[in-house]
Amino acid sequence: MSRTQPRMPRRRLLATVSALAGAASILMLILAGCSGKADGTAKAQSASIPPEVKIPFKIGIMVGTVSQGEDEFRAGQMVVAKYGQDHVKMVTYPDNFMQEQETVISQLVG
């Protein structure tokens, strides 16, 4: 008498293969993120770097404070680091800018 193992249902097999593929892709993302390569943001945030590009005009940037959103504030700092404080003026608007509209307008004009 031959003994046969019960067949795995197709749905269960598909779920197992999908789970393994998902786990493998997550593992690849983790390994790619831990490659040890540093990004260039640390260099751009350094104050000792001279401006990279000379431009014949000035740039004004108004961003929220760090408490509102750190990403836009840091991006503004990177633009100042790239073009220099002679060419870029970065100001922040207050946290409660709807109540302090006069402050926002004076910062925009000034």
C-alpha atoms as a PDB file:
ATOM      1  CA  MET A   1       0.000   0.000   0.000  1.00  0.00           C
ATOM      2  CA  SER A   2       1.340   3.358  -0.889  1.00  0.00           C
ATOM      3  CA  ARG A   3       0.981   6.137   1.529  1.00  0.00           C
ATOM      4  CA  THR A   4       0.273   9.567   0.048  1.00  0.00           C
ATOM      5  CA  GLN A   5       0.478  12.837   1.843  1.00  0.00           C
ATOM      6  CA  PRO A   6      -2.538  15.107   1.682  1.00  0.00           C
ATOM      7  CA  ARG A   7      -2.156  17.871  -0.901  1.00  0.00           C
ATOM      8  CA  MET A   8      -1.861  21.439   0.311  1.00  0.00           C
ATOM      9  CA  PRO A   9      -4.835  23.489  -0.851  1.00  0.00           C
ATOM     10  CA  ARG A  10      -3.995  25.972  -3.581  1.00  0.00           C
ATOM     11  CA  ARG A  11      -5.175  28.945  -1.525  1.00  0.00           C
ATOM     12  CA  ARG A  12      -2.921  28.030   1.398  1.00  0.00           C
ATOM     13  CA  LEU A  13       0.041  27.518  -0.930  1.00  0.00           C
ATOM     14  CA  LEU A  14      -0.534  30.930  -2.503  1.00  0.00           C
ATOM     15  CA  ALA A  15      -0.745  32.568   0.929  1.00  0.00           C
ATOM     16  CA  THR A  16       2.507  30.900   2.010  1.00  0.00           C
ATOM     17  CA  VAL A  17       4.351  31.972  -1.143  1.00  0.00           C
ATOM     18  CA  SER A  18       3.039  35.534  -0.789  1.00  0.00           C
ATOM     19  CA  ALA A  19       4.144  35.704   2.839  1.00  0.00           C
ATOM     20  CA  LEU A  20       7.626  34.451   1.952  1.00  0.00           C
ATOM     21  CA  ALA A  21       7.937  36.962  -0.901  1.00  0.00           C
ATOM     22  CA  GLY A  22       6.838  39.801   1.390  1.00  0.00           C
ATOM     23  CA  ALA A  23       9.303  38.770   4.077  1.00  0.00           C
ATOM     24  CA  ALA A  24      12.106  38.579   1.507  1.00  0.00           C
ATOM     25  CA  SER A  25      11.332  42.054   0.154  1.00  0.00           C
ATOM     26  CA  ILE A  26      11.254  43.535   3.668  1.00  0.00           C
ATOM     27  CA  LEU A  27      14.586  41.880   4.418  1.00  0.00           C
ATOM     28  CA  MET A  28      16.077  43.377   1.236  1.00  0.00           C
ATOM     29  CA  LEU A  29      14.842  46.858   2.206  1.00  0.00           C
ATOM     30  CA  ILE A  30      16.343  46.519   5.668  1.00  0.00           C
ATOM     31  CA  LEU A  31      19.675  45.373   4.279  1.00  0.00           C
ATOM     32  CA  ALA A  32      19.720  48.179   1.709  1.00  0.00           C
ATOM     33  CA  GLY A  33      18.982  50.752   4.418  1.00  0.00           C
ATOM     34  CA  CYS A  34      21.817  49.469   6.594  1.00  0.00           C
ATOM     35  CA  SER A  35      24.465  49.707   3.892  1.00  0.00           C
ATOM     36  CA  GLY A  36      26.470  52.223   5.926  1.00  0.00           C
ATOM     37  CA  LYS A  37      26.592  54.911   3.255  1.00  0.00           C
ATOM     38  CA  ALA A  38      26.055  58.389   4.674  1.00  0.00           C
ATOM     39  CA  ASP A  39      23.839  60.846   2.832  1.00  0.00           C
ATOM     40  CA  GLY A  40      24.963  64.351   1.946  1.00  0.00           C
ATOM     41  CA  THR A  41      22.743  66.238   4.401  1.00  0.00           C
ATOM     42  CA  ALA A  42      25.422  66.347   7.083  1.00  0.00           C
ATOM     43  CA  LYS A  43      27.789  68.077   4.678  1.00  0.00           C
ATOM     44  CA  ALA A  44      25.190  70.622   3.577  1.00  0.00           C
ATOM     45  CA  GLN A  45      24.266  71.523   7.157  1.00  0.00           C
ATOM     46  CA  SER A  46      27.829  72.322   8.101  1.00  0.00           C
ATOM     47  CA  ALA A  47      28.369  76.055   8.552  1.00  0.00           C
ATOM     48  CA  SER A  48      31.989  75.959   7.381  1.00  0.00           C
ATOM     49  CA  ILE A  49      31.131  75.022   3.790  1.00  0.00           C
ATOM     50  CA  PRO A  50      31.445  77.935   1.354  1.00  0.00           C
ATOM     51  CA  PRO A  51      28.498  78.514  -0.998  1.00  0.00           C
ATOM     52  CA  GLU A  52      28.487  76.047  -3.878  1.00  0.00           C
ATOM     53  CA  VAL A  53      26.796  78.222  -6.490  1.00  0.00           C
ATOM     54  CA  LYS A  54      27.163  81.920  -7.318  1.00  0.00           C
ATOM     55  CA  ILE A  55      23.889  83.529  -8.367  1.00  0.00           C
ATOM     56  CA  PRO A  56      23.128  87.080  -9.586  1.00  0.00           C
ATOM     57  CA  PHE A  57      19.933  87.436  -7.526  1.00  0.00           C
ATOM     58  CA  LYS A  58      18.589  86.967  -3.988  1.00  0.00           C
ATOM     59  CA  ILE A  59      16.220  84.337  -2.620  1.00  0.00           C
ATOM     60  CA  GLY A  60      13.733  84.822   0.223  1.00  0.00           C
ATOM     61  CA  ILE A  61      12.358  81.783   2.042  1.00  0.00           C
ATOM     62  CA  MET A  62       9.628  81.826   4.687  1.00  0.00           C
ATOM     63  CA  VAL A  63       9.186  78.541   6.528  1.00  0.00           C
ATOM     64  CA  GLY A  64       7.408  77.309   9.621  1.00  0.00           C
ATOM     65  CA  THR A  65       9.218  76.799  12.876  1.00  0.00           C
ATOM     66  CA  VAL A  66      10.762  73.483  13.862  1.00  0.00           C
ATOM     67  CA  SER A  67       7.765  72.746  16.089  1.00  0.00           C
ATOM     68  CA  GLN A  68       5.457  72.955  13.047  1.00  0.00           C
ATOM     69  CA  GLY A  69       7.551  70.807  10.743  1.00  0.00           C
ATOM     70  CA  GLU A  70      11.230  70.072  10.912  1.00  0.00           C
ATOM     71  CA  ASP A  71      11.554  68.974   7.282  1.00  0.00           C
ATOM     72  CA  GLU A  72      10.766  72.336   5.700  1.00  0.00           C
ATOM     73  CA  PHE A  73      12.932  74.167   8.247  1.00  0.00           C
ATOM     74  CA  ARG A  74      15.914  71.885   7.550  1.00  0.00           C
ATOM     75  CA  ALA A  75      15.358  72.232   3.800  1.00  0.00           C
ATOM     76  CA  GLY A  76      15.518  76.006   4.177  1.00  0.00           C
ATOM     77  CA  GLN A  77      18.771  75.674   6.097  1.00  0.00           C
ATOM     78  CA  MET A  78      20.190  73.515   3.318  1.00  0.00           C
ATOM     79  CA  VAL A  79      19.315  76.163   0.707  1.00  0.00           C
ATOM     80  CA  VAL A  80      21.052  78.806   2.833  1.00  0.00           C
ATOM     81  CA  ALA A  81      24.087  76.518   3.138  1.00  0.00           C
ATOM     82  CA  LYS A  82      24.134  75.908  -0.614  1.00  0.00           C
ATOM     83  CA  TYR A  83      23.807  79.506  -1.828  1.00  0.00           C
ATOM     84  CA  GLY A  84      25.167  81.424   1.170  1.00  0.00           C
ATOM     85  CA  GLN A  85      23.652  83.970   3.536  1.00  0.00           C
ATOM     86  CA  ASP A  86      24.500  86.796   1.127  1.00  0.00           C
ATOM     87  CA  HIS A  87      22.043  85.416  -1.447  1.00  0.00           C
ATOM     88  CA  VAL A  88      19.369  83.714   0.683  1.00  0.00           C
ATOM     89  CA  LYS A  89      17.334  85.148   3.544  1.00  0.00           C
ATOM     90  CA  MET A  90      15.333  82.611   5.541  1.00  0.00           C
ATOM     91  CA  VAL A  91      12.702  83.736   8.063  1.00  0.00           C
ATOM     92  CA  THR A  92      10.119  81.761  10.000  1.00  0.00           C
ATOM     93  CA  TYR A  93       6.482  82.574  10.494  1.00  0.00           C
ATOM     94  CA  PRO A  94       5.020  82.265  14.016  1.00  0.00           C
ATOM     95  CA  ASP A  95       3.298  79.110  15.261  1.00  0.00           C
ATOM     96  CA  ASN A  96      -0.039  80.920  15.577  1.00  0.00           C
ATOM     97  CA  PHE A  97       0.257  82.817  12.306  1.00  0.00           C
ATOM     98  CA  MET A  98      -3.498  83.310  11.930  1.00  0.00           C
ATOM     99  CA  GLN A  99      -3.583  85.440  15.089  1.00  0.00           C
ATOM    100  CA  GLU A 100      -0.309  87.212  14.294  1.00  0.00           C
ATOM    101  CA  GLN A 101      -0.973  88.272  10.712  1.00  0.00           C
ATOM    102  CA  GLU A 102       0.780  91.607  11.177  1.00  0.00           C
ATOM    103  CA  THR A 103       3.979  89.808  12.186  1.00  0.00           C
ATOM    104  CA  VAL A 104       3.815  87.574   9.120  1.00  0.00           C
ATOM    105  CA  ILE A 105       3.250  90.552   6.812  1.00  0.00           C
ATOM    106  CA  SER A 106       6.103  92.539   8.353  1.00  0.00           C
ATOM    107  CA  GLN A 107       8.452  89.570   7.945  1.00  0.00           C
ATOM    108  CA  LEU A 108       7.422  89.147   4.312  1.00  0.00           C
ATOM    109  CA  VAL A 109       7.927  92.823   3.506  1.00  0.00           C
ATOM    110  CA  GLY A 110      11.156  93.197   5.511  1.00  0.00           C
END
